[in-house]
Amino acid sequence: ADAKRQAKRESYLRTVASDFDRWWRDADKRAERGIASAYDEVRRALADLSEAYTLCASRSDFDKKLEQFMARHGKRTALVRRLAGVGLWKKA
Protein backbone atom coordinates (compact mmCIF):
# COMPACT_ATOMS: atom_id res chain seq x y z
CA ALA A 1 0.00 0.00 0.00
CA ASP A 2 2.83 2.39 0.87
CA ALA A 3 4.65 1.64 -2.37
CA LYS A 4 1.45 2.24 -4.34
CA ARG A 5 0.86 5.53 -2.53
CA GLN A 6 4.46 6.59 -3.14
CA ALA A 7 4.18 5.72 -6.85
CA LYS A 8 0.98 7.77 -7.11
CA ARG A 9 2.65 10.70 -5.35
CA GLU A 10 5.66 10.56 -7.67
CA SER A 11 3.38 10.43 -10.69
CA TYR A 12 1.51 13.50 -9.41
CA LEU A 13 4.79 15.35 -8.76
CA ARG A 14 5.98 14.56 -12.28
CA THR A 15 2.73 16.09 -13.56
CA VAL A 16 3.48 19.21 -11.52
CA ALA A 17 7.03 19.25 -12.91
CA SER A 18 5.75 19.05 -16.48
CA ASP A 19 4.51 22.65 -16.20
CA PHE A 20 6.22 24.45 -13.33
CA ASP A 21 5.32 27.88 -14.75
CA ARG A 22 1.60 27.17 -14.70
CA TRP A 23 1.81 26.05 -11.06
CA TRP A 24 3.69 29.23 -10.09
CA ARG A 25 1.15 31.43 -11.93
CA ASP A 26 -1.69 29.62 -10.19
CA ALA A 27 -0.05 30.09 -6.76
CA ASP A 28 0.49 33.76 -7.58
CA LYS A 29 -3.19 34.28 -8.45
CA ARG A 30 -4.33 32.50 -5.30
CA ALA A 31 -2.00 34.55 -3.10
CA GLU A 32 -3.43 37.73 -4.58
CA ARG A 33 -6.90 36.76 -3.40
CA GLY A 34 -5.73 37.56 0.11
CA ILE A 35 -8.03 35.15 1.95
CA ALA A 36 -7.21 32.34 4.37
CA SER A 37 -8.46 29.48 2.19
CA ALA A 38 -6.40 30.74 -0.75
CA TYR A 39 -3.31 30.97 1.46
CA ASP A 40 -3.87 27.35 2.53
CA GLU A 41 -4.05 26.37 -1.15
CA VAL A 42 -0.84 28.30 -1.85
CA ARG A 43 0.90 26.52 1.04
CA ARG A 44 -0.09 23.12 -0.37
CA ALA A 45 0.86 24.11 -3.93
CA LEU A 46 4.28 25.40 -2.88
CA ALA A 47 4.93 22.27 -0.83
CA ASP A 48 4.09 20.18 -3.91
CA LEU A 49 6.29 22.41 -6.08
CA SER A 50 9.16 22.00 -3.64
CA GLU A 51 8.88 18.22 -3.79
CA ALA A 52 8.51 18.24 -7.58
CA TYR A 53 11.62 20.40 -8.02
CA THR A 54 13.56 18.10 -5.69
CA LEU A 55 12.42 15.04 -7.66
CA CYS A 56 12.65 16.37 -11.23
CA ALA A 57 14.82 19.50 -11.27
CA SER A 58 16.81 21.06 -8.44
CA ARG A 59 16.09 22.54 -5.06
CA SER A 60 18.11 25.65 -5.94
CA ASP A 61 15.77 26.31 -8.90
CA PHE A 62 12.82 26.12 -6.51
CA ASP A 63 14.53 28.45 -4.05
CA LYS A 64 15.10 31.07 -6.79
CA LYS A 65 11.46 30.93 -7.87
CA LEU A 66 10.31 31.09 -4.25
CA GLU A 67 12.44 34.22 -3.71
CA GLN A 68 10.71 35.85 -6.69
CA PHE A 69 7.30 34.76 -5.41
CA MET A 70 8.01 36.14 -1.93
CA ALA A 71 9.30 39.41 -3.36
CA ARG A 72 5.71 39.92 -4.55
CA HIS A 73 3.87 38.37 -1.59
CA GLY A 74 6.22 38.66 1.37
CA LYS A 75 4.13 41.37 3.03
CA ARG A 76 1.18 38.99 3.38
CA THR A 77 1.89 38.01 6.98
CA ALA A 78 -0.75 35.26 7.14
CA LEU A 79 0.77 33.64 4.05
CA VAL A 80 4.31 34.01 5.40
CA ARG A 81 3.20 32.39 8.66
CA ARG A 82 1.75 29.41 6.78
CA LEU A 83 4.87 28.94 4.65
CA ALA A 84 7.16 29.26 7.69
CA GLY A 85 5.02 26.72 9.52
CA VAL A 86 5.83 24.05 6.93
CA GLY A 87 9.48 25.05 6.63
CA LEU A 88 9.30 26.63 3.17
CA TRP A 89 10.15 30.17 4.27
CA LYS A 90 11.89 31.79 7.20
CA LYS A 91 10.17 34.75 8.82
CA ALA A 92 12.20 37.93 8.72
PDB file of N, CA and C in Angstrom:
ATOM      1  N   ALA A   1       0.831  -1.199   0.000  1.00  0.00           N
ATOM      2  CA  ALA A   1       0.000   0.000   0.000  1.00  0.00           C
ATOM      3  C   ALA A   1       0.871   1.258   0.000  1.00  0.00           C
ATOM      4  N   ASP A   2       1.940   1.229   0.823  1.00  0.00           N
ATOM      5  CA  ASP A   2       2.833   2.388   0.870  1.00  0.00           C
ATOM      6  C   ASP A   2       3.531   2.607  -0.471  1.00  0.00           C
ATOM      7  N   ALA A   3       3.967   1.533  -1.078  1.00  0.00           N
ATOM      8  CA  ALA A   3       4.650   1.644  -2.368  1.00  0.00           C
ATOM      9  C   ALA A   3       3.703   2.193  -3.429  1.00  0.00           C
ATOM     10  N   LYS A   4       2.453   1.756  -3.385  1.00  0.00           N
ATOM     11  CA  LYS A   4       1.452   2.238  -4.345  1.00  0.00           C
ATOM     12  C   LYS A   4       1.200   3.738  -4.141  1.00  0.00           C
ATOM     13  N   ARG A   5       1.082   4.127  -2.870  1.00  0.00           N
ATOM     14  CA  ARG A   5       0.859   5.533  -2.534  1.00  0.00           C
ATOM     15  C   ARG A   5       2.049   6.383  -2.986  1.00  0.00           C
ATOM     16  N   GLN A   6       3.246   5.875  -2.738  1.00  0.00           N
ATOM     17  CA  GLN A   6       4.463   6.589  -3.142  1.00  0.00           C
ATOM     18  C   GLN A   6       4.534   6.730  -4.662  1.00  0.00           C
ATOM     19  N   ALA A   7       4.170   5.679  -5.382  1.00  0.00           N
ATOM     20  CA  ALA A   7       4.182   5.724  -6.849  1.00  0.00           C
ATOM     21  C   ALA A   7       3.164   6.751  -7.362  1.00  0.00           C
ATOM     22  N   LYS A   8       1.996   6.784  -6.729  1.00  0.00           N
ATOM     23  CA  LYS A   8       0.980   7.769  -7.112  1.00  0.00           C
ATOM     24  C   LYS A   8       1.470   9.188  -6.860  1.00  0.00           C
ATOM     25  N   ARG A   9       2.124   9.379  -5.712  1.00  0.00           N
ATOM     26  CA  ARG A   9       2.651  10.700  -5.348  1.00  0.00           C
ATOM     27  C   ARG A   9       3.711  11.130  -6.360  1.00  0.00           C
ATOM     28  N   GLU A  10       4.616  10.222  -6.700  1.00  0.00           N
ATOM     29  CA  GLU A  10       5.659  10.565  -7.669  1.00  0.00           C
ATOM     30  C   GLU A  10       5.065  10.884  -9.035  1.00  0.00           C
ATOM     31  N   SER A  11       4.046  10.159  -9.423  1.00  0.00           N
ATOM     32  CA  SER A  11       3.376  10.432 -10.692  1.00  0.00           C
ATOM     33  C   SER A  11       2.760  11.834 -10.673  1.00  0.00           C
ATOM     34  N   TYR A  12       2.101  12.165  -9.572  1.00  0.00           N
ATOM     35  CA  TYR A  12       1.509  13.500  -9.412  1.00  0.00           C
ATOM     36  C   TYR A  12       2.600  14.576  -9.475  1.00  0.00           C
ATOM     37  N   LEU A  13       3.706  14.357  -8.777  1.00  0.00           N
ATOM     38  CA  LEU A  13       4.786  15.351  -8.758  1.00  0.00           C
ATOM     39  C   LEU A  13       5.403  15.523 -10.144  1.00  0.00           C
ATOM     40  N   ARG A  14       5.470  14.447 -10.910  1.00  0.00           N
ATOM     41  CA  ARG A  14       5.977  14.565 -12.283  1.00  0.00           C
ATOM     42  C   ARG A  14       5.013  15.381 -13.152  1.00  0.00           C
ATOM     43  N   THR A  15       3.718  15.266 -12.864  1.00  0.00           N
ATOM     44  CA  THR A  15       2.729  16.091 -13.557  1.00  0.00           C
ATOM     45  C   THR A  15       2.945  17.562 -13.215  1.00  0.00           C
ATOM     46  N   VAL A  16       3.175  17.842 -11.946  1.00  0.00           N
ATOM     47  CA  VAL A  16       3.482  19.213 -11.521  1.00  0.00           C
ATOM     48  C   VAL A  16       4.733  19.703 -12.247  1.00  0.00           C
ATOM     49  N   ALA A  17       5.756  18.874 -12.289  1.00  0.00           N
ATOM     50  CA  ALA A  17       7.029  19.249 -12.909  1.00  0.00           C
ATOM     51  C   ALA A  17       6.908  19.482 -14.407  1.00  0.00           C
ATOM     52  N   SER A  18       5.901  18.894 -15.028  1.00  0.00           N
ATOM     53  CA  SER A  18       5.754  19.055 -16.476  1.00  0.00           C
ATOM     54  C   SER A  18       5.368  20.483 -16.859  1.00  0.00           C
ATOM     55  N   ASP A  19       4.872  21.260 -15.896  1.00  0.00           N
ATOM     56  CA  ASP A  19       4.510  22.652 -16.202  1.00  0.00           C
ATOM     57  C   ASP A  19       4.684  23.524 -14.951  1.00  0.00           C
ATOM     58  N   PHE A  20       5.939  23.657 -14.524  1.00  0.00           N
ATOM     59  CA  PHE A  20       6.216  24.454 -13.332  1.00  0.00           C
ATOM     60  C   PHE A  20       5.632  25.868 -13.429  1.00  0.00           C
ATOM     61  N   ASP A  21       5.783  26.494 -14.602  1.00  0.00           N
ATOM     62  CA  ASP A  21       5.324  27.885 -14.748  1.00  0.00           C
ATOM     63  C   ASP A  21       3.833  28.033 -14.466  1.00  0.00           C
ATOM     64  N   ARG A  22       3.040  27.107 -14.948  1.00  0.00           N
ATOM     65  CA  ARG A  22       1.601  27.171 -14.703  1.00  0.00           C
ATOM     66  C   ARG A  22       1.309  27.086 -13.203  1.00  0.00           C
ATOM     67  N   TRP A  23       2.018  26.207 -12.500  1.00  0.00           N
ATOM     68  CA  TRP A  23       1.806  26.054 -11.060  1.00  0.00           C
ATOM     69  C   TRP A  23       2.200  27.323 -10.311  1.00  0.00           C
ATOM     70  N   TRP A  24       3.286  27.977 -10.735  1.00  0.00           N
ATOM     71  CA  TRP A  24       3.686  29.231 -10.086  1.00  0.00           C
ATOM     72  C   TRP A  24       2.652  30.326 -10.361  1.00  0.00           C
ATOM     73  N   ARG A  25       2.179  30.417 -11.597  1.00  0.00           N
ATOM     74  CA  ARG A  25       1.153  31.430 -11.932  1.00  0.00           C
ATOM     75  C   ARG A  25      -0.100  31.210 -11.102  1.00  0.00           C
ATOM     76  N   ASP A  26      -0.499  29.945 -10.969  1.00  0.00           N
ATOM     77  CA  ASP A  26      -1.686  29.621 -10.188  1.00  0.00           C
ATOM     78  C   ASP A  26      -1.492  30.019  -8.719  1.00  0.00           C
ATOM     79  N   ALA A  27      -0.339  29.715  -8.149  1.00  0.00           N
ATOM     80  CA  ALA A  27      -0.052  30.092  -6.756  1.00  0.00           C
ATOM     81  C   ALA A  27      -0.068  31.602  -6.608  1.00  0.00           C
ATOM     82  N   ASP A  28       0.461  32.296  -7.598  1.00  0.00           N
ATOM     83  CA  ASP A  28       0.495  33.758  -7.580  1.00  0.00           C
ATOM     84  C   ASP A  28      -0.925  34.330  -7.545  1.00  0.00           C
ATOM     85  N   LYS A  29      -1.790  33.808  -8.408  1.00  0.00           N
ATOM     86  CA  LYS A  29      -3.190  34.275  -8.454  1.00  0.00           C
ATOM     87  C   LYS A  29      -3.898  34.015  -7.131  1.00  0.00           C
ATOM     88  N   ARG A  30      -3.675  32.841  -6.568  1.00  0.00           N
ATOM     89  CA  ARG A  30      -4.327  32.496  -5.297  1.00  0.00           C
ATOM     90  C   ARG A  30      -3.848  33.411  -4.176  1.00  0.00           C
ATOM     91  N   ALA A  31      -2.553  33.679  -4.144  1.00  0.00           N
ATOM     92  CA  ALA A  31      -2.003  34.553  -3.095  1.00  0.00           C
ATOM     93  C   ALA A  31      -2.621  35.945  -3.187  1.00  0.00           C
ATOM     94  N   GLU A  32      -2.869  36.400  -4.395  1.00  0.00           N
ATOM     95  CA  GLU A  32      -3.432  37.735  -4.581  1.00  0.00           C
ATOM     96  C   GLU A  32      -4.865  37.843  -4.075  1.00  0.00           C
ATOM     97  N   ARG A  33      -5.535  36.725  -3.919  1.00  0.00           N
ATOM     98  CA  ARG A  33      -6.900  36.762  -3.400  1.00  0.00           C
ATOM     99  C   ARG A  33      -6.927  37.268  -1.966  1.00  0.00           C
ATOM    100  N   GLY A  34      -5.856  36.996  -1.225  1.00  0.00           N
ATOM    101  CA  GLY A  34      -5.729  37.561   0.114  1.00  0.00           C
ATOM    102  C   GLY A  34      -6.667  36.984   1.162  1.00  0.00           C
ATOM    103  N   ILE A  35      -7.134  35.758   0.952  1.00  0.00           N
ATOM    104  CA  ILE A  35      -8.026  35.146   1.947  1.00  0.00           C
ATOM    105  C   ILE A  35      -7.402  33.852   2.476  1.00  0.00           C
ATOM    106  N   ALA A  36      -7.821  33.481   3.676  1.00  0.00           N
ATOM    107  CA  ALA A  36      -7.209  32.343   4.367  1.00  0.00           C
ATOM    108  C   ALA A  36      -7.239  31.065   3.542  1.00  0.00           C
ATOM    109  N   SER A  37      -8.375  30.739   2.950  1.00  0.00           N
ATOM    110  CA  SER A  37      -8.463  29.480   2.194  1.00  0.00           C
ATOM    111  C   SER A  37      -7.506  29.489   1.005  1.00  0.00           C
ATOM    112  N   ALA A  38      -7.338  30.641   0.373  1.00  0.00           N
ATOM    113  CA  ALA A  38      -6.400  30.743  -0.752  1.00  0.00           C
ATOM    114  C   ALA A  38      -4.965  30.576  -0.259  1.00  0.00           C
ATOM    115  N   TYR A  39      -4.654  31.128   0.904  1.00  0.00           N
ATOM    116  CA  TYR A  39      -3.306  30.969   1.462  1.00  0.00           C
ATOM    117  C   TYR A  39      -3.024  29.504   1.790  1.00  0.00           C
ATOM    118  N   ASP A  40      -4.037  28.790   2.270  1.00  0.00           N
ATOM    119  CA  ASP A  40      -3.868  27.354   2.531  1.00  0.00           C
ATOM    120  C   ASP A  40      -3.578  26.605   1.232  1.00  0.00           C
ATOM    121  N   GLU A  41      -4.279  26.980   0.162  1.00  0.00           N
ATOM    122  CA  GLU A  41      -4.053  26.366  -1.149  1.00  0.00           C
ATOM    123  C   GLU A  41      -2.639  26.673  -1.649  1.00  0.00           C
ATOM    124  N   VAL A  42      -2.195  27.912  -1.435  1.00  0.00           N
ATOM    125  CA  VAL A  42      -0.840  28.300  -1.846  1.00  0.00           C
ATOM    126  C   VAL A  42       0.190  27.476  -1.079  1.00  0.00           C
ATOM    127  N   ARG A  43      -0.028  27.319   0.223  1.00  0.00           N
ATOM    128  CA  ARG A  43       0.904  26.521   1.040  1.00  0.00           C
ATOM    129  C   ARG A  43       1.019  25.102   0.486  1.00  0.00           C
ATOM    130  N   ARG A  44      -0.118  24.493   0.181  1.00  0.00           N
ATOM    131  CA  ARG A  44      -0.093  23.124  -0.369  1.00  0.00           C
ATOM    132  C   ARG A  44       0.591  23.093  -1.733  1.00  0.00           C
ATOM    133  N   ALA A  45       0.277  24.072  -2.583  1.00  0.00           N
ATOM    134  CA  ALA A  45       0.863  24.111  -3.929  1.00  0.00           C
ATOM    135  C   ALA A  45       2.376  24.292  -3.860  1.00  0.00           C
ATOM    136  N   LEU A  46       2.839  25.173  -2.975  1.00  0.00           N
ATOM    137  CA  LEU A  46       4.278  25.403  -2.876  1.00  0.00           C
ATOM    138  C   LEU A  46       4.991  24.191  -2.274  1.00  0.00           C
ATOM    139  N   ALA A  47       4.339  23.496  -1.369  1.00  0.00           N
ATOM    140  CA  ALA A  47       4.930  22.268  -0.827  1.00  0.00           C
ATOM    141  C   ALA A  47       5.065  21.226  -1.942  1.00  0.00           C
ATOM    142  N   ASP A  48       4.031  21.108  -2.777  1.00  0.00           N
ATOM    143  CA  ASP A  48       4.090  20.183  -3.915  1.00  0.00           C
ATOM    144  C   ASP A  48       5.175  20.608  -4.901  1.00  0.00           C
ATOM    145  N   LEU A  49       5.250  21.911  -5.177  1.00  0.00           N
ATOM    146  CA  LEU A  49       6.285  22.405  -6.081  1.00  0.00           C
ATOM    147  C   LEU A  49       7.674  22.090  -5.538  1.00  0.00           C
ATOM    148  N   SER A  50       7.864  22.289  -4.259  1.00  0.00           N
ATOM    149  CA  SER A  50       9.157  22.004  -3.639  1.00  0.00           C
ATOM    150  C   SER A  50       9.549  20.545  -3.849  1.00  0.00           C
ATOM    151  N   GLU A  51       8.611  19.653  -3.596  1.00  0.00           N
ATOM    152  CA  GLU A  51       8.883  18.218  -3.791  1.00  0.00           C
ATOM    153  C   GLU A  51       9.140  17.898  -5.261  1.00  0.00           C
ATOM    154  N   ALA A  52       8.359  18.510  -6.148  1.00  0.00           N
ATOM    155  CA  ALA A  52       8.513  18.244  -7.582  1.00  0.00           C
ATOM    156  C   ALA A  52       9.870  18.736  -8.082  1.00  0.00           C
ATOM    157  N   TYR A  53      10.295  19.907  -7.626  1.00  0.00           N
ATOM    158  CA  TYR A  53      11.622  20.404  -8.016  1.00  0.00           C
ATOM    159  C   TYR A  53      12.707  19.464  -7.502  1.00  0.00           C
ATOM    160  N   THR A  54      12.562  19.003  -6.261  1.00  0.00           N
ATOM    161  CA  THR A  54      13.557  18.097  -5.686  1.00  0.00           C
ATOM    162  C   THR A  54      13.626  16.798  -6.488  1.00  0.00           C
ATOM    163  N   LEU A  55      12.484  16.293  -6.919  1.00  0.00           N
ATOM    164  CA  LEU A  55      12.419  15.038  -7.664  1.00  0.00           C
ATOM    165  C   LEU A  55      12.888  15.189  -9.111  1.00  0.00           C
ATOM    166  N   CYS A  56      12.483  16.274  -9.773  1.00  0.00           N
ATOM    167  CA  CYS A  56      12.652  16.373 -11.227  1.00  0.00           C
ATOM    168  C   CYS A  56      13.595  17.476 -11.707  1.00  0.00           C
ATOM    169  N   ALA A  57      13.963  18.388 -10.837  1.00  0.00           N
ATOM    170  CA  ALA A  57      14.820  19.503 -11.273  1.00  0.00           C
ATOM    171  C   ALA A  57      15.891  19.698 -10.190  1.00  0.00           C
ATOM    172  N   SER A  58      15.865  20.856  -9.537  1.00  0.00           N
ATOM    173  CA  SER A  58      16.812  21.058  -8.439  1.00  0.00           C
ATOM    174  C   SER A  58      16.196  21.963  -7.385  1.00  0.00           C
ATOM    175  N   ARG A  59      16.605  21.738  -6.166  1.00  0.00           N
ATOM    176  CA  ARG A  59      16.090  22.541  -5.055  1.00  0.00           C
ATOM    177  C   ARG A  59      16.508  24.010  -5.221  1.00  0.00           C
ATOM    178  N   SER A  60      17.679  24.258  -5.776  1.00  0.00           N
ATOM    179  CA  SER A  60      18.107  25.650  -5.940  1.00  0.00           C
ATOM    180  C   SER A  60      17.210  26.384  -6.941  1.00  0.00           C
ATOM    181  N   ASP A  61      16.723  25.688  -7.963  1.00  0.00           N
ATOM    182  CA  ASP A  61      15.770  26.313  -8.897  1.00  0.00           C
ATOM    183  C   ASP A  61      14.491  26.700  -8.162  1.00  0.00           C
ATOM    184  N   PHE A  62      14.015  25.808  -7.298  1.00  0.00           N
ATOM    185  CA  PHE A  62      12.822  26.116  -6.508  1.00  0.00           C
ATOM    186  C   PHE A  62      13.072  27.332  -5.617  1.00  0.00           C
ATOM    187  N   ASP A  63      14.222  27.347  -4.961  1.00  0.00           N
ATOM    188  CA  ASP A  63      14.534  28.453  -4.047  1.00  0.00           C
ATOM    189  C   ASP A  63      14.553  29.794  -4.772  1.00  0.00           C
ATOM    190  N   LYS A  64      15.086  29.824  -5.996  1.00  0.00           N
ATOM    191  CA  LYS A  64      15.101  31.066  -6.787  1.00  0.00           C
ATOM    192  C   LYS A  64      13.680  31.521  -7.101  1.00  0.00           C
ATOM    193  N   LYS A  65      12.848  30.586  -7.545  1.00  0.00           N
ATOM    194  CA  LYS A  65      11.458  30.931  -7.873  1.00  0.00           C
ATOM    195  C   LYS A  65      10.699  31.369  -6.625  1.00  0.00           C
ATOM    196  N   LEU A  66      10.967  30.718  -5.493  1.00  0.00           N
ATOM    197  CA  LEU A  66      10.311  31.088  -4.246  1.00  0.00           C
ATOM    198  C   LEU A  66      10.717  32.499  -3.830  1.00  0.00           C
ATOM    199  N   GLU A  67      11.977  32.846  -4.015  1.00  0.00           N
ATOM    200  CA  GLU A  67      12.439  34.215  -3.713  1.00  0.00           C
ATOM    201  C   GLU A  67      11.648  35.231  -4.537  1.00  0.00           C
ATOM    202  N   GLN A  68      11.471  34.945  -5.821  1.00  0.00           N
ATOM    203  CA  GLN A  68      10.710  35.846  -6.694  1.00  0.00           C
ATOM    204  C   GLN A  68       9.257  35.941  -6.228  1.00  0.00           C
ATOM    205  N   PHE A  69       8.685  34.806  -5.879  1.00  0.00           N
ATOM    206  CA  PHE A  69       7.298  34.764  -5.406  1.00  0.00           C
ATOM    207  C   PHE A  69       7.153  35.598  -4.131  1.00  0.00           C
ATOM    208  N   MET A  70       8.089  35.428  -3.207  1.00  0.00           N
ATOM    209  CA  MET A  70       8.008  36.137  -1.932  1.00  0.00           C
ATOM    210  C   MET A  70       8.322  37.622  -2.075  1.00  0.00           C
ATOM    211  N   ALA A  71       9.066  37.996  -3.108  1.00  0.00           N
ATOM    212  CA  ALA A  71       9.299  39.414  -3.363  1.00  0.00           C
ATOM    213  C   ALA A  71       7.959  40.101  -3.639  1.00  0.00           C
ATOM    214  N   ARG A  72       7.046  39.370  -4.263  1.00  0.00           N
ATOM    215  CA  ARG A  72       5.708  39.921  -4.553  1.00  0.00           C
ATOM    216  C   ARG A  72       4.748  39.764  -3.377  1.00  0.00           C
ATOM    217  N   HIS A  73       4.887  38.693  -2.603  1.00  0.00           N
ATOM    218  CA  HIS A  73       3.870  38.367  -1.593  1.00  0.00           C
ATOM    219  C   HIS A  73       4.384  38.329  -0.155  1.00  0.00           C
ATOM    220  N   GLY A  74       5.610  38.736   0.060  1.00  0.00           N
ATOM    221  CA  GLY A  74       6.222  38.655   1.373  1.00  0.00           C
ATOM    222  C   GLY A  74       5.590  39.522   2.446  1.00  0.00           C
ATOM    223  N   LYS A  75       4.787  40.500   2.043  1.00  0.00           N
ATOM    224  CA  LYS A  75       4.127  41.365   3.026  1.00  0.00           C
ATOM    225  C   LYS A  75       2.808  40.772   3.525  1.00  0.00           C
ATOM    226  N   ARG A  76       2.414  39.671   2.957  1.00  0.00           N
ATOM    227  CA  ARG A  76       1.183  38.994   3.383  1.00  0.00           C
ATOM    228  C   ARG A  76       1.525  38.115   4.592  1.00  0.00           C
ATOM    229  N   THR A  77       1.393  38.684   5.779  1.00  0.00           N
ATOM    230  CA  THR A  77       1.886  38.009   6.983  1.00  0.00           C
ATOM    231  C   THR A  77       1.209  36.664   7.224  1.00  0.00           C
ATOM    232  N   ALA A  78      -0.064  36.544   6.932  1.00  0.00           N
ATOM    233  CA  ALA A  78      -0.752  35.262   7.139  1.00  0.00           C
ATOM    234  C   ALA A  78      -0.185  34.198   6.203  1.00  0.00           C
ATOM    235  N   LEU A  79       0.163  34.585   4.995  1.00  0.00           N
ATOM    236  CA  LEU A  79       0.775  33.644   4.047  1.00  0.00           C
ATOM    237  C   LEU A  79       2.179  33.273   4.512  1.00  0.00           C
ATOM    238  N   VAL A  80       2.949  34.266   4.920  1.00  0.00           N
ATOM    239  CA  VAL A  80       4.314  34.009   5.401  1.00  0.00           C
ATOM    240  C   VAL A  80       4.282  33.049   6.585  1.00  0.00           C
ATOM    241  N   ARG A  81       3.335  33.262   7.489  1.00  0.00           N
ATOM    242  CA  ARG A  81       3.203  32.388   8.663  1.00  0.00           C
ATOM    243  C   ARG A  81       2.929  30.945   8.235  1.00  0.00           C
ATOM    244  N   ARG A  82       2.059  30.762   7.262  1.00  0.00           N
ATOM    245  CA  ARG A  82       1.754  29.406   6.781  1.00  0.00           C
ATOM    246  C   ARG A  82       2.981  28.747   6.148  1.00  0.00           C
ATOM    247  N   LEU A  83       3.701  29.500   5.330  1.00  0.00           N
ATOM    248  CA  LEU A  83       4.872  28.937   4.652  1.00  0.00           C
ATOM    249  C   LEU A  83       5.986  28.650   5.662  1.00  0.00           C
ATOM    250  N   ALA A  84       6.142  29.502   6.642  1.00  0.00           N
ATOM    251  CA  ALA A  84       7.156  29.264   7.691  1.00  0.00           C
ATOM    252  C   ALA A  84       6.783  28.041   8.506  1.00  0.00           C
ATOM    253  N   GLY A  85       5.484  27.847   8.727  1.00  0.00           N
ATOM    254  CA  GLY A  85       5.017  26.717   9.523  1.00  0.00           C
ATOM    255  C   GLY A  85       5.344  25.362   8.916  1.00  0.00           C
ATOM    256  N   VAL A  86       5.479  25.308   7.592  1.00  0.00           N
ATOM    257  CA  VAL A  86       5.834  24.047   6.934  1.00  0.00           C
ATOM    258  C   VAL A  86       7.289  24.033   6.471  1.00  0.00           C
ATOM    259  N   GLY A  87       8.059  25.034   6.909  1.00  0.00           N
ATOM    260  CA  GLY A  87       9.484  25.052   6.625  1.00  0.00           C
ATOM    261  C   GLY A  87       9.880  25.511   5.231  1.00  0.00           C
ATOM    262  N   LEU A  88       8.955  26.146   4.516  1.00  0.00           N
ATOM    263  CA  LEU A  88       9.296  26.627   3.166  1.00  0.00           C
ATOM    264  C   LEU A  88       9.921  28.009   3.182  1.00  0.00           C
ATOM    265  N   TRP A  89       9.676  28.784   4.212  1.00  0.00           N
ATOM    266  CA  TRP A  89      10.152  30.167   4.274  1.00  0.00           C
ATOM    267  C   TRP A  89      10.502  30.505   5.700  1.00  0.00           C
ATOM    268  N   LYS A  90      11.528  31.337   5.864  1.00  0.00           N
ATOM    269  CA  LYS A  90      11.892  31.795   7.202  1.00  0.00           C
ATOM    270  C   LYS A  90      11.364  33.205   7.404  1.00  0.00           C
ATOM    271  N   LYS A  91      10.676  33.416   8.523  1.00  0.00           N
ATOM    272  CA  LYS A  91      10.166  34.751   8.815  1.00  0.00           C
ATOM    273  C   LYS A  91      11.331  35.693   9.026  1.00  0.00           C
ATOM    274  N   ALA A  92      11.139  36.916   8.571  1.00  0.00           N
ATOM    275  CA  ALA A  92      12.202  37.934   8.716  1.00  0.00           C
ATOM    276  C   ALA A  92      12.326  38.383  10.162  1.00  0.00           C
TER     277      ALA A  92
END
